[in-house]
Amino acid sequence: MDRAQRLKRLGYRAAHRGTREADMLIGRFFAAASPAWDDDALDWFEALLEEQDVDILAWAAGVTDAPANYHGPALEALKRLDYLPR
């Protein structure tokens, strides 16, 4: 799959999680951050999408600690929540 198709597929999956809160958080994070991502970051995000929404929301809010394989700059960006309108 080429990069454009992969981005389109990941964008859809990010913005259609099943709950409005997850759609907003994960979908808007992807829209804001993904243009700068390399293939490793896309791999990270694709793995993240396999996790439960409640877990991702808790990691983003800092309520619980994410597994070590998600630690890094992308998770820190997700935690900043500066990509959500106020």
PDB file of N, CA and C in Angstrom:
ATOM      1  N   MET A   1       0.855  -1.165   0.000  1.00  0.00           N
ATOM      2  CA  MET A   1       0.000   0.000   0.000  1.00  0.00           C
ATOM      3  C   MET A   1       0.907   1.235   0.000  1.00  0.00           C
ATOM      4  N   ASP A   2       0.598   2.200  -0.834  1.00  0.00           N
ATOM      5  CA  ASP A   2       1.426   3.404  -0.856  1.00  0.00           C
ATOM      6  C   ASP A   2       1.082   4.312   0.333  1.00  0.00           C
ATOM      7  N   ARG A   3       1.928   5.307   0.558  1.00  0.00           N
ATOM      8  CA  ARG A   3       1.793   6.171   1.735  1.00  0.00           C
ATOM      9  C   ARG A   3       0.455   6.910   1.759  1.00  0.00           C
ATOM     10  N   ALA A   4       0.019   7.427   0.626  1.00  0.00           N
ATOM     11  CA  ALA A   4      -1.244   8.177   0.574  1.00  0.00           C
ATOM     12  C   ALA A   4      -2.420   7.294   0.971  1.00  0.00           C
ATOM     13  N   GLN A   5      -2.449   6.086   0.477  1.00  0.00           N
ATOM     14  CA  GLN A   5      -3.527   5.153   0.828  1.00  0.00           C
ATOM     15  C   GLN A   5      -3.469   4.793   2.311  1.00  0.00           C
ATOM     16  N   ARG A   6      -2.253   4.582   2.805  1.00  0.00           N
ATOM     17  CA  ARG A   6      -2.096   4.241   4.223  1.00  0.00           C
ATOM     18  C   ARG A   6      -2.582   5.387   5.109  1.00  0.00           C
ATOM     19  N   LEU A   7      -2.204   6.616   4.778  1.00  0.00           N
ATOM     20  CA  LEU A   7      -2.655   7.769   5.549  1.00  0.00           C
ATOM     21  C   LEU A   7      -4.173   7.904   5.519  1.00  0.00           C
ATOM     22  N   LYS A   8      -4.758   7.683   4.375  1.00  0.00           N
ATOM     23  CA  LYS A   8      -6.218   7.783   4.251  1.00  0.00           C
ATOM     24  C   LYS A   8      -6.904   6.723   5.123  1.00  0.00           C
ATOM     25  N   ARG A   9      -6.393   5.496   5.069  1.00  0.00           N
ATOM     26  CA  ARG A   9      -6.972   4.404   5.859  1.00  0.00           C
ATOM     27  C   ARG A   9      -6.809   4.666   7.355  1.00  0.00           C
ATOM     28  N   LEU A  10      -5.613   5.083   7.766  1.00  0.00           N
ATOM     29  CA  LEU A  10      -5.378   5.369   9.181  1.00  0.00           C
ATOM     30  C   LEU A  10      -6.213   6.559   9.652  1.00  0.00           C
ATOM     31  N   GLY A  11      -6.351   7.572   8.806  1.00  0.00           N
ATOM     32  CA  GLY A  11      -7.176   8.720   9.160  1.00  0.00           C
ATOM     33  C   GLY A  11      -8.620   8.339   9.395  1.00  0.00           C
ATOM     34  N   TYR A  12      -9.134   7.464   8.543  1.00  0.00           N
ATOM     35  CA  TYR A  12     -10.512   7.004   8.720  1.00  0.00           C
ATOM     36  C   TYR A  12     -10.645   6.227  10.026  1.00  0.00           C
ATOM     37  N   ARG A  13      -9.725   5.299  10.258  1.00  0.00           N
ATOM     38  CA  ARG A  13      -9.773   4.501  11.493  1.00  0.00           C
ATOM     39  C   ARG A  13      -9.635   5.370  12.730  1.00  0.00           C
ATOM     40  N   ALA A  14      -8.835   6.421  12.646  1.00  0.00           N
ATOM     41  CA  ALA A  14      -8.616   7.301  13.789  1.00  0.00           C
ATOM     42  C   ALA A  14      -9.865   8.116  14.116  1.00  0.00           C
ATOM     43  N   ALA A  15     -10.582   8.534  13.094  1.00  0.00           N
ATOM     44  CA  ALA A  15     -11.734   9.419  13.293  1.00  0.00           C
ATOM     45  C   ALA A  15     -13.056   8.676  13.440  1.00  0.00           C
ATOM     46  N   HIS A  16     -13.042   7.373  13.321  1.00  0.00           N
ATOM     47  CA  HIS A  16     -14.272   6.569  13.424  1.00  0.00           C
ATOM     48  C   HIS A  16     -14.047   5.433  14.417  1.00  0.00           C
ATOM     49  N   ARG A  17     -13.857   5.805  15.677  1.00  0.00           N
ATOM     50  CA  ARG A  17     -13.537   4.838  16.716  1.00  0.00           C
ATOM     51  C   ARG A  17     -14.780   4.226  17.345  1.00  0.00           C
ATOM     52  N   GLY A  18     -15.876   4.959  17.362  1.00  0.00           N
ATOM     53  CA  GLY A  18     -17.083   4.413  17.959  1.00  0.00           C
ATOM     54  C   GLY A  18     -17.681   5.287  19.043  1.00  0.00           C
ATOM     55  N   THR A  19     -16.864   6.141  19.627  1.00  0.00           N
ATOM     56  CA  THR A  19     -17.394   7.115  20.584  1.00  0.00           C
ATOM     57  C   THR A  19     -16.947   8.501  20.139  1.00  0.00           C
ATOM     58  N   ARG A  20     -17.779   9.478  20.419  1.00  0.00           N
ATOM     59  CA  ARG A  20     -17.449  10.849  20.001  1.00  0.00           C
ATOM     60  C   ARG A  20     -16.137  11.324  20.617  1.00  0.00           C
ATOM     61  N   GLU A  21     -15.920  11.008  21.886  1.00  0.00           N
ATOM     62  CA  GLU A  21     -14.715  11.445  22.568  1.00  0.00           C
ATOM     63  C   GLU A  21     -13.464  10.864  21.914  1.00  0.00           C
ATOM     64  N   ALA A  22     -13.492   9.575  21.644  1.00  0.00           N
ATOM     65  CA  ALA A  22     -12.341   8.930  21.003  1.00  0.00           C
ATOM     66  C   ALA A  22     -12.161   9.427  19.570  1.00  0.00           C
ATOM     67  N   ASP A  23     -13.261   9.594  18.850  1.00  0.00           N
ATOM     68  CA  ASP A  23     -13.174  10.119  17.484  1.00  0.00           C
ATOM     69  C   ASP A  23     -12.481  11.470  17.474  1.00  0.00           C
ATOM     70  N   MET A  24     -12.872  12.336  18.406  1.00  0.00           N
ATOM     71  CA  MET A  24     -12.286  13.678  18.464  1.00  0.00           C
ATOM     72  C   MET A  24     -10.821  13.625  18.869  1.00  0.00           C
ATOM     73  N   LEU A  25     -10.527  12.930  19.939  1.00  0.00           N
ATOM     74  CA  LEU A  25      -9.166  12.899  20.455  1.00  0.00           C
ATOM     75  C   LEU A  25      -8.210  12.243  19.456  1.00  0.00           C
ATOM     76  N   ILE A  26      -8.507  11.036  19.068  1.00  0.00           N
ATOM     77  CA  ILE A  26      -7.589  10.266  18.233  1.00  0.00           C
ATOM     78  C   ILE A  26      -7.597  10.789  16.792  1.00  0.00           C
ATOM     79  N   GLY A  27      -8.776  11.082  16.280  1.00  0.00           N
ATOM     80  CA  GLY A  27      -8.871  11.581  14.912  1.00  0.00           C
ATOM     81  C   GLY A  27      -8.196  12.923  14.727  1.00  0.00           C
ATOM     82  N   ARG A  28      -8.411  13.834  15.656  1.00  0.00           N
ATOM     83  CA  ARG A  28      -7.789  15.164  15.535  1.00  0.00           C
ATOM     84  C   ARG A  28      -6.292  15.104  15.796  1.00  0.00           C
ATOM     85  N   PHE A  29      -5.870  14.222  16.689  1.00  0.00           N
ATOM     86  CA  PHE A  29      -4.436  14.035  16.891  1.00  0.00           C
ATOM     87  C   PHE A  29      -3.797  13.571  15.593  1.00  0.00           C
ATOM     88  N   PHE A  30      -4.398  12.585  14.961  1.00  0.00           N
ATOM     89  CA  PHE A  30      -3.853  12.085  13.702  1.00  0.00           C
ATOM     90  C   PHE A  30      -3.810  13.188  12.650  1.00  0.00           C
ATOM     91  N   ALA A  31      -4.890  13.931  12.513  1.00  0.00           N
ATOM     92  CA  ALA A  31      -4.941  15.001  11.509  1.00  0.00           C
ATOM     93  C   ALA A  31      -3.864  16.049  11.748  1.00  0.00           C
ATOM     94  N   ALA A  32      -3.617  16.381  13.001  1.00  0.00           N
ATOM     95  CA  ALA A  32      -2.642  17.411  13.331  1.00  0.00           C
ATOM     96  C   ALA A  32      -1.201  16.919  13.215  1.00  0.00           C
ATOM     97  N   ALA A  33      -0.945  15.692  13.633  1.00  0.00           N
ATOM     98  CA  ALA A  33       0.432  15.210  13.754  1.00  0.00           C
ATOM     99  C   ALA A  33       0.941  14.402  12.567  1.00  0.00           C
ATOM    100  N   SER A  34       0.080  13.684  11.896  1.00  0.00           N
ATOM    101  CA  SER A  34       0.533  12.717  10.887  1.00  0.00           C
ATOM    102  C   SER A  34       1.293  13.306   9.700  1.00  0.00           C
ATOM    103  N   PRO A  35       1.045  14.541   9.274  1.00  0.00           N
ATOM    104  CA  PRO A  35       1.823  15.036   8.126  1.00  0.00           C
ATOM    105  C   PRO A  35       3.338  15.012   8.355  1.00  0.00           C
ATOM    106  N   ALA A  36       3.772  15.100   9.591  1.00  0.00           N
ATOM    107  CA  ALA A  36       5.207  15.115   9.889  1.00  0.00           C
ATOM    108  C   ALA A  36       5.766  13.728  10.195  1.00  0.00           C
ATOM    109  N   TRP A  37       4.933  12.714  10.222  1.00  0.00           N
ATOM    110  CA  TRP A  37       5.370  11.382  10.634  1.00  0.00           C
ATOM    111  C   TRP A  37       6.103  10.641   9.528  1.00  0.00           C
ATOM    112  N   ASP A  38       7.093   9.859   9.955  1.00  0.00           N
ATOM    113  CA  ASP A  38       7.762   8.930   9.052  1.00  0.00           C
ATOM    114  C   ASP A  38       7.077   7.563   9.178  1.00  0.00           C
ATOM    115  N   ASP A  39       7.619   6.569   8.489  1.00  0.00           N
ATOM    116  CA  ASP A  39       6.992   5.244   8.513  1.00  0.00           C
ATOM    117  C   ASP A  39       6.997   4.620   9.906  1.00  0.00           C
ATOM    118  N   ASP A  40       8.034   4.872  10.692  1.00  0.00           N
ATOM    119  CA  ASP A  40       8.067   4.323  12.059  1.00  0.00           C
ATOM    120  C   ASP A  40       6.947   4.911  12.911  1.00  0.00           C
ATOM    121  N   ALA A  41       6.709   6.197  12.761  1.00  0.00           N
ATOM    122  CA  ALA A  41       5.621   6.826  13.515  1.00  0.00           C
ATOM    123  C   ALA A  41       4.267   6.298  13.053  1.00  0.00           C
ATOM    124  N   LEU A  42       4.114   6.062  11.771  1.00  0.00           N
ATOM    125  CA  LEU A  42       2.867   5.477  11.273  1.00  0.00           C
ATOM    126  C   LEU A  42       2.674   4.071  11.822  1.00  0.00           C
ATOM    127  N   ASP A  43       3.757   3.313  11.911  1.00  0.00           N
ATOM    128  CA  ASP A  43       3.681   1.973  12.510  1.00  0.00           C
ATOM    129  C   ASP A  43       3.234   2.070  13.962  1.00  0.00           C
ATOM    130  N   TRP A  44       3.798   3.042  14.700  1.00  0.00           N
ATOM    131  CA  TRP A  44       3.428   3.261  16.098  1.00  0.00           C
ATOM    132  C   TRP A  44       1.932   3.554  16.204  1.00  0.00           C
ATOM    133  N   PHE A  45       1.458   4.456  15.355  1.00  0.00           N
ATOM    134  CA  PHE A  45       0.055   4.851  15.415  1.00  0.00           C
ATOM    135  C   PHE A  45      -0.862   3.698  15.017  1.00  0.00           C
ATOM    136  N   GLU A  46      -0.456   2.938  14.029  1.00  0.00           N
ATOM    137  CA  GLU A  46      -1.265   1.789  13.613  1.00  0.00           C
ATOM    138  C   GLU A  46      -1.400   0.786  14.754  1.00  0.00           C
ATOM    139  N   ALA A  47      -0.330   0.568  15.499  1.00  0.00           N
ATOM    140  CA  ALA A  47      -0.399  -0.320  16.668  1.00  0.00           C
ATOM    141  C   ALA A  47      -1.299   0.288  17.741  1.00  0.00           C
ATOM    142  N   LEU A  48      -1.191   1.598  17.942  1.00  0.00           N
ATOM    143  CA  LEU A  48      -2.023   2.276  18.931  1.00  0.00           C
ATOM    144  C   LEU A  48      -3.510   2.085  18.625  1.00  0.00           C
ATOM    145  N   LEU A  49      -3.861   2.118  17.355  1.00  0.00           N
ATOM    146  CA  LEU A  49      -5.265   1.965  16.967  1.00  0.00           C
ATOM    147  C   LEU A  49      -5.839   0.595  17.321  1.00  0.00           C
ATOM    148  N   GLU A  50      -4.993  -0.363  17.588  1.00  0.00           N
ATOM    149  CA  GLU A  50      -5.455  -1.692  17.990  1.00  0.00           C
ATOM    150  C   GLU A  50      -5.844  -1.733  19.466  1.00  0.00           C
ATOM    151  N   GLU A  51      -5.470  -0.705  20.216  1.00  0.00           N
ATOM    152  CA  GLU A  51      -5.774  -0.653  21.647  1.00  0.00           C
ATOM    153  C   GLU A  51      -7.217  -0.184  21.865  1.00  0.00           C
ATOM    154  N   GLN A  52      -7.715  -0.421  23.061  1.00  0.00           N
ATOM    155  CA  GLN A  52      -9.066  -0.005  23.426  1.00  0.00           C
ATOM    156  C   GLN A  52      -9.120   1.512  23.596  1.00  0.00           C
ATOM    157  N   ASP A  53     -10.218   2.113  23.185  1.00  0.00           N
ATOM    158  CA  ASP A  53     -10.379   3.556  23.296  1.00  0.00           C
ATOM    159  C   ASP A  53     -10.217   4.045  24.733  1.00  0.00           C
ATOM    160  N   VAL A  54     -10.793   3.327  25.679  1.00  0.00           N
ATOM    161  CA  VAL A  54     -10.703   3.768  27.077  1.00  0.00           C
ATOM    162  C   VAL A  54      -9.256   3.817  27.547  1.00  0.00           C
ATOM    163  N   ASP A  55      -8.439   2.892  27.058  1.00  0.00           N
ATOM    164  CA  ASP A  55      -7.026   2.894  27.427  1.00  0.00           C
ATOM    165  C   ASP A  55      -6.308   4.089  26.809  1.00  0.00           C
ATOM    166  N   ILE A  56      -6.538   4.334  25.521  1.00  0.00           N
ATOM    167  CA  ILE A  56      -5.901   5.456  24.839  1.00  0.00           C
ATOM    168  C   ILE A  56      -6.302   6.774  25.494  1.00  0.00           C
ATOM    169  N   LEU A  57      -7.581   6.928  25.807  1.00  0.00           N
ATOM    170  CA  LEU A  57      -8.044   8.149  26.468  1.00  0.00           C
ATOM    171  C   LEU A  57      -7.382   8.316  27.833  1.00  0.00           C
ATOM    172  N   ALA A  58      -7.241   7.234  28.573  1.00  0.00           N
ATOM    173  CA  ALA A  58      -6.599   7.302  29.895  1.00  0.00           C
ATOM    174  C   ALA A  58      -5.120   7.650  29.765  1.00  0.00           C
ATOM    175  N   TRP A  59      -4.449   7.113  28.771  1.00  0.00           N
ATOM    176  CA  TRP A  59      -3.034   7.440  28.556  1.00  0.00           C
ATOM    177  C   TRP A  59      -2.889   8.905  28.172  1.00  0.00           C
ATOM    178  N   ALA A  60      -3.771   9.393  27.296  1.00  0.00           N
ATOM    179  CA  ALA A  60      -3.706  10.787  26.851  1.00  0.00           C
ATOM    180  C   ALA A  60      -3.957  11.744  28.006  1.00  0.00           C
ATOM    181  N   ALA A  61      -4.862  11.377  28.897  1.00  0.00           N
ATOM    182  CA  ALA A  61      -5.198  12.236  30.033  1.00  0.00           C
ATOM    183  C   ALA A  61      -4.216  12.089  31.186  1.00  0.00           C
ATOM    184  N   GLY A  62      -3.337  11.099  31.099  1.00  0.00           N
ATOM    185  CA  GLY A  62      -2.374  10.876  32.167  1.00  0.00           C
ATOM    186  C   GLY A  62      -2.947  10.162  33.364  1.00  0.00           C
ATOM    187  N   VAL A  63      -4.105   9.542  33.194  1.00  0.00           N
ATOM    188  CA  VAL A  63      -4.751   8.815  34.288  1.00  0.00           C
ATOM    189  C   VAL A  63      -4.016   7.514  34.577  1.00  0.00           C
ATOM    190  N   THR A  64      -3.578   6.847  33.530  1.00  0.00           N
ATOM    191  CA  THR A  64      -2.788   5.629  33.671  1.00  0.00           C
ATOM    192  C   THR A  64      -1.569   5.739  32.768  1.00  0.00           C
ATOM    193  N   ASP A  65      -0.573   4.939  33.056  1.00  0.00           N
ATOM    194  CA  ASP A  65       0.650   4.943  32.268  1.00  0.00           C
ATOM    195  C   ASP A  65       0.488   3.981  31.091  1.00  0.00           C
ATOM    196  N   ALA A  66       0.913   4.414  29.928  1.00  0.00           N
ATOM    197  CA  ALA A  66       0.857   3.570  28.736  1.00  0.00           C
ATOM    198  C   ALA A  66       1.936   2.496  28.809  1.00  0.00           C
ATOM    199  N   PRO A  67       1.728   1.385  28.131  1.00  0.00           N
ATOM    200  CA  PRO A  67       2.785   0.372  28.057  1.00  0.00           C
ATOM    201  C   PRO A  67       4.065   0.982  27.457  1.00  0.00           C
ATOM    202  N   ALA A  68       5.185   0.425  27.820  1.00  0.00           N
ATOM    203  CA  ALA A  68       6.488   0.960  27.421  1.00  0.00           C
ATOM    204  C   ALA A  68       6.644   1.082  25.910  1.00  0.00           C
ATOM    205  N   ASN A  69       6.029   0.187  25.147  1.00  0.00           N
ATOM    206  CA  ASN A  69       6.189   0.245  23.691  1.00  0.00           C
ATOM    207  C   ASN A  69       5.530   1.474  23.070  1.00  0.00           C
ATOM    208  N   TYR A  70       4.706   2.198  23.811  1.00  0.00           N
ATOM    209  CA  TYR A  70       4.082   3.419  23.300  1.00  0.00           C
ATOM    210  C   TYR A  70       4.782   4.685  23.784  1.00  0.00           C
ATOM    211  N   HIS A  71       5.709   4.561  24.724  1.00  0.00           N
ATOM    212  CA  HIS A  71       6.405   5.735  25.247  1.00  0.00           C
ATOM    213  C   HIS A  71       7.253   6.369  24.154  1.00  0.00           C
ATOM    214  N   GLY A  72       7.320   7.693  24.184  1.00  0.00           N
ATOM    215  CA  GLY A  72       8.142   8.411  23.221  1.00  0.00           C
ATOM    216  C   GLY A  72       7.495   9.723  22.831  1.00  0.00           C
ATOM    217  N   PRO A  73       8.053  10.383  21.835  1.00  0.00           N
ATOM    218  CA  PRO A  73       7.569  11.718  21.458  1.00  0.00           C
ATOM    219  C   PRO A  73       6.118  11.738  20.974  1.00  0.00           C
ATOM    220  N   ALA A  74       5.687  10.710  20.291  1.00  0.00           N
ATOM    221  CA  ALA A  74       4.307  10.709  19.779  1.00  0.00           C
ATOM    222  C   ALA A  74       3.308  10.625  20.934  1.00  0.00           C
ATOM    223  N   LEU A  75       3.587   9.810  21.930  1.00  0.00           N
ATOM    224  CA  LEU A  75       2.690   9.724  23.083  1.00  0.00           C
ATOM    225  C   LEU A  75       2.685  11.049  23.849  1.00  0.00           C
ATOM    226  N   GLU A  76       3.838  11.674  23.978  1.00  0.00           N
ATOM    227  CA  GLU A  76       3.891  12.968  24.655  1.00  0.00           C
ATOM    228  C   GLU A  76       3.072  14.006  23.888  1.00  0.00           C
ATOM    229  N   ALA A  77       3.109  13.955  22.571  1.00  0.00           N
ATOM    230  CA  ALA A  77       2.289  14.863  21.758  1.00  0.00           C
ATOM    231  C   ALA A  77       0.807  14.580  21.966  1.00  0.00           C
ATOM    232  N   LEU A  78       0.442  13.307  22.046  1.00  0.00           N
ATOM    233  CA  LEU A  78      -0.953  12.930  22.295  1.00  0.00           C
ATOM    234  C   LEU A  78      -1.409  13.470  23.652  1.00  0.00           C
ATOM    235  N   LYS A  79      -0.550  13.439  24.639  1.00  0.00           N
ATOM    236  CA  LYS A  79      -0.886  13.895  25.985  1.00  0.00           C
ATOM    237  C   LYS A  79      -1.075  15.410  26.073  1.00  0.00           C
ATOM    238  N   ARG A  80      -0.439  16.165  25.186  1.00  0.00           N
ATOM    239  CA  ARG A  80      -0.534  17.634  25.263  1.00  0.00           C
ATOM    240  C   ARG A  80      -1.940  18.137  24.976  1.00  0.00           C
ATOM    241  N   LEU A  81      -2.704  17.424  24.201  1.00  0.00           N
ATOM    242  CA  LEU A  81      -4.082  17.778  23.878  1.00  0.00           C
ATOM    243  C   LEU A  81      -4.214  19.172  23.256  1.00  0.00           C
ATOM    244  N   ASP A  82      -3.147  19.708  22.702  1.00  0.00           N
ATOM    245  CA  ASP A  82      -3.188  21.034  22.101  1.00  0.00           C
ATOM    246  C   ASP A  82      -3.764  21.035  20.691  1.00  0.00           C
ATOM    247  N   TYR A  83      -4.179  19.899  20.225  1.00  0.00           N
ATOM    248  CA  TYR A  83      -4.744  19.768  18.893  1.00  0.00           C
ATOM    249  C   TYR A  83      -6.280  19.752  18.943  1.00  0.00           C
ATOM    250  N   LEU A  84      -6.839  19.879  20.140  1.00  0.00           N
ATOM    251  CA  LEU A  84      -8.294  19.896  20.302  1.00  0.00           C
ATOM    252  C   LEU A  84      -8.784  21.342  20.459  1.00  0.00           C
ATOM    253  N   PRO A  85      -9.878  21.690  19.789  1.00  0.00           N
ATOM    254  CA  PRO A  85     -10.406  23.060  19.957  1.00  0.00           C
ATOM    255  C   PRO A  85     -10.945  23.246  21.371  1.00  0.00           C
ATOM    256  N   ARG A  86     -10.869  24.484  21.831  1.00  0.00           N
ATOM    257  CA  ARG A  86     -11.403  24.776  23.182  1.00  0.00           C
ATOM    258  C   ARG A  86     -12.657  25.551  23.086  1.00  0.00           C
TER     259      ARG A  86
END
